[in-house]
Amino acid sequence: MSNELSFTVLCEDCDDRKEDLQLRGYEVVGACAEDKAQPGMCVIRYRRRAAAAAAGATAVRDAAIPALAVESFEEPPATATQANAAKAIVNLFETGQVLGDYGAVTVLPGDTGHLTYGRSQTTLGSGNLAVLIDRYCNQPGARFGARLRDWRASLKARDKALDRDPQLHNLLRACADDPVMRDVQDRFFDDAYWQPALRAAGRLGIRLPLGVAIVYDSWVHGSWGAMRDRTDRGGTVRESGEKEWLERYVDTRRDWLAGHSNLLLRKTVYRMDAFRGLMDQGYWGLELPLVVRGREVSLATLSGVPPGCYDGPQPGTRPLAVQSPLNRGLDVRLLQLGLSLADHQCEIRADGIFGSGTARWVQRFQQASGQPPTGVADPALVAKLAAV
């Protein structure tokens, strides 16, 4: 069906994700089915209610959205500062950066998500990376939209060969320099994780900013519903009180992570340790400044420039060579990207830093082009490669 969309989630998160889709005005199409390529993962198919009505789904068309909710709820109040603090905590867990790493490209052995990308690390395996890239390419002014065209079909097919595609990885890193991509990522991760987490917290009766951050972390990390239900065995939020329930939840989730069969998940117990530390220090309101995993979260760090993002110098405005300090910037990144796309054997990382490795690949390109192999990229060569 052309109007249908789909994404992949942990099977134990299926019910929560379907409920949230319904609350947002979507119809879940059929029963979720296990993804045969990824054991323990389910594929949820859904479509907008308008599309469902056009297809004759009168039951969905006539249903009022509030009737789909299990109970009435109110989203927790959150100031912009509290929301940014909660997001910063999860950013630190995901990429080690307060503002997140918009150009982070990661492939971990054994990770069912496979290639992961961006501020909150969306994955190839879930299908969400394809959705993110589609959103970006459809935005007016997307600087790298045309260059991503060749990979969009493979992303939608969740082709695992992309785990080992250095040209795509470099292109994704370069996209982080585009303010359009950063804006798309912010809105995408808010839609996919932050807003659903607010709704989930509200339905449960969680109002404290630290509690919302904990729900948000679990919505990103996975298995929120299973751990919520396990915690409820000792009493619900309304029966136990919010703080007591959240303390039990963090302990329950930590025990689950520590004993998980997936070694990668075992290593993430630090997330719950960080939340327990904030609880013990009384940071229930996420008052700033605070420290998480040795990093400062404050008004100053929240208003900084995202790490590893460059807005200049523009290509062709200076020569590039190995020097001290090393040349860094947008022109270096685009030079590296051009080398990567021009030579499929080029094992260069487009990190925006002109070091000896970049100089060697410039030398190789110069030699192949019949130019003196100096390893120095003059403005004309930079401009030429940046346009590849």
Protein backbone atom coordinates (compact mmCIF):
# COMPACT_ATOMS: atom_id res chain seq x y z
CA MET A 1 0.00 0.00 0.00
CA SER A 2 1.56 3.30 -1.04
CA ASN A 3 0.13 5.14 1.98
CA GLU A 4 1.62 2.73 4.48
CA LEU A 5 4.78 3.40 6.47
CA SER A 6 6.73 1.08 8.71
CA PHE A 7 9.50 1.00 11.27
CA THR A 8 11.21 -1.62 13.42
CA VAL A 9 11.24 -1.76 17.21
CA LEU A 10 12.09 -4.21 19.96
CA CYS A 11 9.20 -6.68 20.21
CA GLU A 12 8.72 -5.81 23.89
CA ASP A 13 8.23 -2.14 22.93
CA CYS A 14 5.60 -2.94 20.32
CA ASP A 15 2.50 -2.16 22.40
CA ASP A 16 3.83 1.22 23.58
CA ARG A 17 4.82 2.28 20.08
CA LYS A 18 1.43 1.26 18.65
CA GLU A 19 -0.43 3.11 21.40
CA ASP A 20 1.59 6.24 20.75
CA LEU A 21 0.91 6.03 17.01
CA GLN A 22 -2.82 5.83 17.74
CA LEU A 23 -2.67 8.82 20.07
CA ARG A 24 -1.00 10.80 17.29
CA GLY A 25 -3.80 10.00 14.82
CA TYR A 26 -2.35 7.01 12.94
CA GLU A 27 -3.90 3.64 12.26
CA VAL A 28 -1.75 0.58 12.92
CA VAL A 29 -2.22 -1.78 9.98
CA GLY A 30 -2.50 -5.42 10.93
CA ALA A 31 -0.50 -7.15 13.63
CA CYS A 32 3.17 -6.40 14.09
CA ALA A 33 5.38 -9.10 12.61
CA GLU A 34 8.80 -10.28 13.72
CA ASP A 35 11.61 -9.05 11.50
CA LYS A 36 13.13 -12.28 10.22
CA ALA A 37 16.44 -10.55 9.60
CA GLN A 38 16.60 -9.28 13.19
CA PRO A 39 15.39 -11.70 15.88
CA GLY A 40 13.68 -9.90 18.75
CA MET A 41 12.63 -7.00 16.52
CA CYS A 42 9.11 -6.32 15.20
CA VAL A 43 7.94 -4.40 12.14
CA ILE A 44 4.98 -2.07 12.75
CA ARG A 45 3.02 -0.92 9.69
CA TYR A 46 0.86 2.18 9.99
CA ARG A 47 -0.78 4.97 8.01
CA ARG A 48 -2.43 8.30 8.62
CA ARG A 49 -6.08 8.17 9.60
CA ALA A 50 -6.99 10.24 6.51
CA ALA A 51 -5.37 7.61 4.31
CA ALA A 52 -7.13 4.87 6.23
CA ALA A 53 -10.50 6.58 5.74
CA ALA A 54 -9.85 6.92 2.01
CA ALA A 55 -9.25 3.16 1.95
CA GLY A 56 -12.65 2.57 3.58
CA ALA A 57 -11.58 2.04 7.18
CA THR A 58 -14.72 3.56 8.64
CA ALA A 59 -14.07 2.30 12.15
CA VAL A 60 -10.86 4.26 12.29
CA ARG A 61 -12.40 7.26 10.54
CA ASP A 62 -15.25 7.47 13.03
CA ALA A 63 -13.15 6.87 16.15
CA ALA A 64 -12.33 9.90 18.27
CA ILE A 65 -8.65 10.19 19.16
CA PRO A 66 -9.23 10.56 22.95
CA ALA A 67 -11.13 7.25 22.99
CA LEU A 68 -7.97 5.48 21.89
CA ALA A 69 -6.10 6.47 25.04
CA VAL A 70 -6.00 4.01 27.92
CA GLU A 71 -6.65 6.86 30.34
CA SER A 72 -6.68 10.62 30.30
CA PHE A 73 -3.29 12.17 30.85
CA GLU A 74 -1.51 15.48 30.89
CA GLU A 75 1.99 15.92 29.53
CA PRO A 76 4.49 16.91 32.23
CA PRO A 77 5.36 20.59 32.39
CA ALA A 78 8.88 21.36 31.24
CA THR A 79 10.67 24.62 30.70
CA ALA A 80 12.93 24.90 27.68
CA THR A 81 15.93 24.69 29.99
CA GLN A 82 14.67 21.52 31.69
CA ALA A 83 13.87 19.93 28.32
CA ASN A 84 17.33 20.79 27.00
CA ALA A 85 18.95 19.43 30.16
CA ALA A 86 17.07 16.13 29.80
CA LYS A 87 18.06 15.86 26.15
CA ALA A 88 21.68 16.73 27.02
CA ILE A 89 21.85 13.84 29.49
CA VAL A 90 20.75 11.37 26.83
CA ASN A 91 23.07 13.02 24.30
CA LEU A 92 25.95 12.31 26.69
CA PHE A 93 24.89 8.67 26.94
CA GLU A 94 24.56 8.32 23.17
CA THR A 95 27.54 10.26 21.82
CA GLY A 96 29.46 11.65 24.82
CA GLN A 97 28.57 15.24 23.88
CA VAL A 98 26.25 17.65 25.70
CA LEU A 99 24.73 18.91 22.46
CA GLY A 100 25.04 15.55 20.77
CA ASP A 101 27.26 14.68 17.82
CA TYR A 102 25.25 15.40 14.68
CA GLY A 103 27.86 13.74 12.49
CA ALA A 104 28.45 10.63 14.61
CA VAL A 105 28.67 7.48 12.49
CA THR A 106 28.94 4.25 14.45
CA VAL A 107 28.92 0.54 13.66
CA LEU A 108 29.31 -1.74 16.69
CA PRO A 109 29.91 -5.49 16.28
CA GLY A 110 26.79 -7.39 17.27
CA ASP A 111 24.52 -4.34 17.25
CA THR A 112 21.21 -5.29 15.63
CA GLY A 113 20.72 -1.63 14.69
CA HIS A 114 23.79 -1.82 12.41
CA LEU A 115 24.85 1.57 11.00
CA THR A 116 23.83 4.35 13.41
CA TYR A 117 23.94 8.08 12.83
CA GLY A 118 23.35 11.46 14.33
CA ARG A 119 22.64 13.31 17.54
CA SER A 120 20.59 10.51 19.08
CA GLN A 121 22.00 7.68 16.98
CA THR A 122 19.16 6.51 14.75
CA THR A 123 19.73 3.16 13.09
CA LEU A 124 19.76 1.50 9.71
CA GLY A 125 18.20 -1.66 11.16
CA SER A 126 15.12 0.12 12.52
CA GLY A 127 14.42 1.85 9.21
CA ASN A 128 14.57 5.22 10.95
CA LEU A 129 17.85 6.22 9.31
CA ALA A 130 16.12 6.01 5.91
CA VAL A 131 13.27 8.16 7.24
CA LEU A 132 15.71 10.76 8.59
CA ILE A 133 17.63 10.96 5.31
CA ASP A 134 14.38 11.22 3.32
CA ARG A 135 13.26 14.12 5.50
CA TYR A 136 16.57 15.86 4.96
CA CYS A 137 16.65 15.32 1.18
CA ASN A 138 13.12 16.71 0.87
CA GLN A 139 14.04 19.97 2.60
CA PRO A 140 14.68 23.05 0.43
CA GLY A 141 18.33 23.98 0.61
CA ALA A 142 19.59 20.56 1.75
CA ARG A 143 23.23 20.93 0.70
CA PHE A 144 23.95 17.23 0.31
CA GLY A 145 20.50 16.05 -0.77
CA ALA A 146 21.50 15.34 -4.38
CA ARG A 147 24.62 13.46 -3.31
CA LEU A 148 22.61 11.17 -1.03
CA ARG A 149 20.29 10.13 -3.87
CA ASP A 150 22.36 7.06 -4.78
CA TRP A 151 22.01 5.60 -1.29
CA ARG A 152 18.35 6.25 -0.52
CA ALA A 153 17.04 2.97 -1.97
CA SER A 154 19.63 0.94 -0.05
CA LEU A 155 18.80 2.80 3.14
CA LYS A 156 15.09 2.00 2.72
CA ALA A 157 15.98 -1.65 2.07
CA ARG A 158 18.09 -1.61 5.26
CA ASP A 159 20.99 -3.04 3.28
CA LYS A 160 23.60 -4.19 5.80
CA ALA A 161 26.34 -3.58 3.22
CA LEU A 162 26.01 0.10 4.17
CA ASP A 163 27.76 -0.77 7.45
CA ARG A 164 30.92 -0.98 5.36
CA ASP A 165 30.37 1.91 2.94
CA PRO A 166 33.01 4.56 3.69
CA GLN A 167 31.68 6.95 1.03
CA LEU A 168 28.26 7.04 2.69
CA HIS A 169 29.82 7.36 6.14
CA ASN A 170 31.85 10.38 5.02
CA LEU A 171 28.82 11.95 3.40
CA LEU A 172 26.82 11.55 6.60
CA ARG A 173 29.64 13.18 8.58
CA ALA A 174 29.69 16.11 6.17
CA CYS A 175 25.92 16.54 6.45
CA ALA A 176 26.43 17.62 10.07
CA ASP A 177 27.92 20.90 8.79
CA ASP A 178 24.62 21.74 7.10
CA PRO A 179 22.29 23.68 9.45
CA VAL A 180 19.39 22.12 7.53
CA MET A 181 20.49 18.63 8.62
CA ARG A 182 20.93 19.73 12.24
CA ASP A 183 17.43 21.20 12.24
CA VAL A 184 15.98 18.06 10.62
CA GLN A 185 17.70 15.88 13.23
CA ASP A 186 16.36 18.01 16.09
CA ARG A 187 12.80 17.80 14.79
CA PHE A 188 13.13 14.11 13.88
CA PHE A 189 14.40 13.04 17.29
CA ASP A 190 11.79 15.18 19.02
CA ASP A 191 9.05 13.48 16.97
CA ALA A 192 10.48 9.98 17.37
CA TYR A 193 11.55 10.07 21.01
CA TRP A 194 11.00 13.25 23.04
CA GLN A 195 7.31 13.85 22.37
CA PRO A 196 6.37 10.16 22.79
CA ALA A 197 8.37 10.09 26.04
CA LEU A 198 6.44 13.12 27.31
CA ARG A 199 3.17 11.38 26.51
CA ALA A 200 4.30 8.15 28.16
CA ALA A 201 5.40 10.01 31.29
CA GLY A 202 2.11 11.91 31.41
CA ARG A 203 0.02 8.76 31.10
CA LEU A 204 1.91 7.25 34.03
CA GLY A 205 1.73 10.35 36.23
CA ILE A 206 5.43 11.26 36.09
CA ARG A 207 5.88 15.02 36.42
CA LEU A 208 9.41 15.57 37.77
CA PRO A 209 11.94 16.73 35.13
CA LEU A 210 14.43 14.02 36.17
CA GLY A 211 11.66 11.44 35.82
CA VAL A 212 10.87 12.70 32.32
CA ALA A 213 14.58 12.40 31.45
CA ILE A 214 14.55 8.78 32.66
CA VAL A 215 11.49 7.95 30.52
CA TYR A 216 13.09 9.72 27.55
CA ASP A 217 16.30 7.73 27.98
CA SER A 218 14.36 4.47 28.05
CA TRP A 219 12.32 5.46 24.99
CA VAL A 220 15.59 6.02 23.13
CA HIS A 221 17.42 3.01 24.58
CA GLY A 222 14.49 0.57 24.38
CA SER A 223 12.38 -1.69 26.62
CA TRP A 224 10.59 1.13 28.44
CA GLY A 225 7.29 -0.76 28.62
CA ALA A 226 8.78 -4.01 29.92
CA MET A 227 10.75 -2.25 32.67
CA ARG A 228 7.76 -0.06 33.57
CA ASP A 229 5.56 -3.12 34.04
CA ARG A 230 8.23 -4.90 36.05
CA THR A 231 8.57 -1.86 38.32
CA ASP A 232 4.79 -1.63 38.75
CA ARG A 233 4.82 -5.00 40.52
CA GLY A 234 6.03 -3.15 43.59
CA GLY A 235 3.33 -0.50 43.23
CA THR A 236 2.39 2.02 40.55
CA VAL A 237 3.51 5.66 40.48
CA ARG A 238 0.23 6.73 42.06
CA GLU A 239 0.45 4.03 44.74
CA SER A 240 4.12 4.44 45.62
CA GLY A 241 4.76 8.10 44.95
CA GLU A 242 6.77 9.42 42.03
CA LYS A 243 10.23 9.53 43.59
CA GLU A 244 10.01 6.05 45.13
CA TRP A 245 8.74 4.56 41.86
CA LEU A 246 11.51 6.21 39.83
CA GLU A 247 14.16 4.94 42.24
CA ARG A 248 12.77 1.42 41.90
CA TYR A 249 12.59 1.79 38.13
CA VAL A 250 16.26 2.82 37.88
CA ASP A 251 17.32 -0.12 40.10
CA THR A 252 15.10 -2.53 38.13
CA ARG A 253 16.44 -1.36 34.80
CA ARG A 254 20.04 -1.49 36.02
CA ASP A 255 19.64 -5.10 37.18
CA TRP A 256 18.09 -5.98 33.82
CA LEU A 257 20.93 -4.34 31.88
CA ALA A 258 23.64 -5.88 34.07
CA GLY A 259 22.30 -9.39 33.48
CA HIS A 260 21.38 -9.03 29.82
CA SER A 261 22.57 -11.66 27.35
CA ASN A 262 23.64 -8.87 24.97
CA LEU A 263 27.10 -7.75 26.08
CA LEU A 264 26.60 -4.33 24.49
CA LEU A 265 23.60 -3.70 26.74
CA ARG A 266 25.52 -4.85 29.81
CA LYS A 267 28.00 -2.09 29.19
CA THR A 268 25.27 0.56 29.38
CA VAL A 269 24.56 0.21 33.12
CA TYR A 270 26.33 3.58 33.43
CA ARG A 271 23.12 5.22 32.26
CA MET A 272 21.25 4.07 35.36
CA ASP A 273 24.26 4.81 37.57
CA ALA A 274 24.21 8.39 36.28
CA PHE A 275 20.51 8.77 37.05
CA ARG A 276 20.99 7.25 40.52
CA GLY A 277 23.75 9.78 41.16
CA LEU A 278 21.44 12.67 40.21
CA MET A 279 18.73 11.28 42.48
CA ASP A 280 21.13 10.93 45.40
CA GLN A 281 22.18 14.57 44.91
CA GLY A 282 18.56 15.75 44.80
CA TYR A 283 18.52 16.96 41.17
CA TRP A 284 14.87 16.04 40.67
CA GLY A 285 14.20 19.36 38.96
CA LEU A 286 17.36 19.16 36.77
CA GLU A 287 18.58 22.45 38.21
CA LEU A 288 21.64 23.72 36.40
CA PRO A 289 24.55 23.40 36.49
CA LEU A 290 24.93 19.67 36.97
CA VAL A 291 27.56 17.09 36.06
CA VAL A 292 26.84 13.84 34.21
CA ARG A 293 29.62 11.36 33.45
CA GLY A 294 32.20 14.01 34.17
CA ARG A 295 30.71 16.51 31.74
CA GLU A 296 29.16 19.85 32.69
CA VAL A 297 25.57 20.53 31.71
CA SER A 298 24.96 24.26 32.13
CA LEU A 299 23.51 27.24 30.31
CA ALA A 300 26.97 27.83 28.83
CA THR A 301 27.45 24.29 27.48
CA LEU A 302 23.85 24.11 26.24
CA SER A 303 24.32 27.26 24.16
CA GLY A 304 27.64 26.28 22.57
CA VAL A 305 28.37 25.21 18.99
CA PRO A 306 27.75 21.49 18.31
CA PRO A 307 31.07 19.61 18.34
CA GLY A 308 32.66 18.74 15.04
CA CYS A 309 30.43 21.06 12.99
CA TYR A 310 32.05 23.59 10.65
CA ASP A 311 30.55 26.66 9.01
CA GLY A 312 33.75 27.81 7.29
CA PRO A 313 36.15 28.56 5.73
CA GLN A 314 34.51 28.13 2.35
CA PRO A 315 36.30 25.87 -0.19
CA GLY A 316 38.83 27.64 -2.38
CA THR A 317 39.53 30.52 0.00
CA ARG A 318 42.90 29.16 1.23
CA PRO A 319 45.50 26.51 0.40
CA LEU A 320 45.52 23.43 2.60
CA ALA A 321 48.64 21.65 3.83
CA VAL A 322 49.99 19.91 6.90
CA GLN A 323 51.02 22.57 9.36
CA SER A 324 50.93 23.38 13.06
CA PRO A 325 48.28 23.90 14.25
CA LEU A 326 46.49 21.61 11.81
CA ASN A 327 44.06 23.18 9.35
CA ARG A 328 40.47 22.45 10.31
CA GLY A 329 37.16 23.49 8.81
CA LEU A 330 34.46 23.11 6.23
CA ASP A 331 36.88 23.34 3.31
CA VAL A 332 38.95 20.47 4.72
CA ARG A 333 35.86 18.31 5.22
CA LEU A 334 34.61 18.93 1.69
CA LEU A 335 38.08 18.24 0.27
CA GLN A 336 38.14 14.92 2.14
CA LEU A 337 34.62 14.09 1.00
CA GLY A 338 35.57 14.85 -2.59
CA LEU A 339 38.60 12.57 -2.37
CA SER A 340 36.42 9.82 -0.90
CA LEU A 341 33.76 10.10 -3.63
CA ALA A 342 36.30 10.47 -6.46
CA ASP A 343 38.34 7.42 -5.49
CA HIS A 344 36.43 4.45 -4.09
CA GLN A 345 39.71 3.00 -2.79
CA CYS A 346 40.34 6.13 -0.73
CA GLU A 347 40.32 5.15 2.95
CA ILE A 348 39.99 8.66 4.29
CA ARG A 349 37.83 9.82 7.19
CA ALA A 350 36.09 13.13 6.50
CA ASP A 351 36.70 14.63 9.94
CA GLY A 352 37.55 18.16 8.78
CA ILE A 353 41.19 17.95 9.97
CA PHE A 354 44.04 18.18 7.44
CA GLY A 355 46.69 15.77 8.73
CA SER A 356 49.37 13.62 7.13
CA GLY A 357 46.83 11.00 6.03
CA THR A 358 44.82 13.58 4.09
CA ALA A 359 48.04 14.93 2.57
CA ARG A 360 48.94 11.44 1.29
CA TRP A 361 45.54 11.07 -0.41
CA VAL A 362 45.90 14.54 -1.97
CA GLN A 363 49.31 13.41 -3.24
CA ARG A 364 47.78 10.27 -4.75
CA PHE A 365 45.03 12.29 -6.44
CA GLN A 366 47.57 14.76 -7.82
CA GLN A 367 49.71 11.97 -9.21
CA ALA A 368 46.72 10.27 -10.87
CA SER A 369 45.71 13.63 -12.38
CA GLY A 370 49.16 14.35 -13.80
CA GLN A 371 49.91 17.11 -11.29
CA PRO A 372 53.03 17.47 -9.14
CA PRO A 373 52.39 15.24 -6.08
CA THR A 374 53.09 17.86 -3.43
CA GLY A 375 50.38 16.88 -0.96
CA VAL A 376 49.43 20.57 -0.78
CA ALA A 377 45.94 21.42 -2.02
CA ASP A 378 45.85 24.85 -3.63
CA PRO A 379 42.55 26.78 -3.65
CA ALA A 380 41.69 25.59 -7.17
CA LEU A 381 42.13 21.92 -6.24
CA VAL A 382 40.12 22.38 -3.04
CA ALA A 383 37.28 24.01 -4.96
CA LYS A 384 37.38 21.26 -7.60
CA LEU A 385 37.22 18.37 -5.13
CA ALA A 386 34.63 20.09 -2.98
CA ALA A 387 32.32 20.11 -5.99
CA VAL A 388 32.63 16.34 -6.61
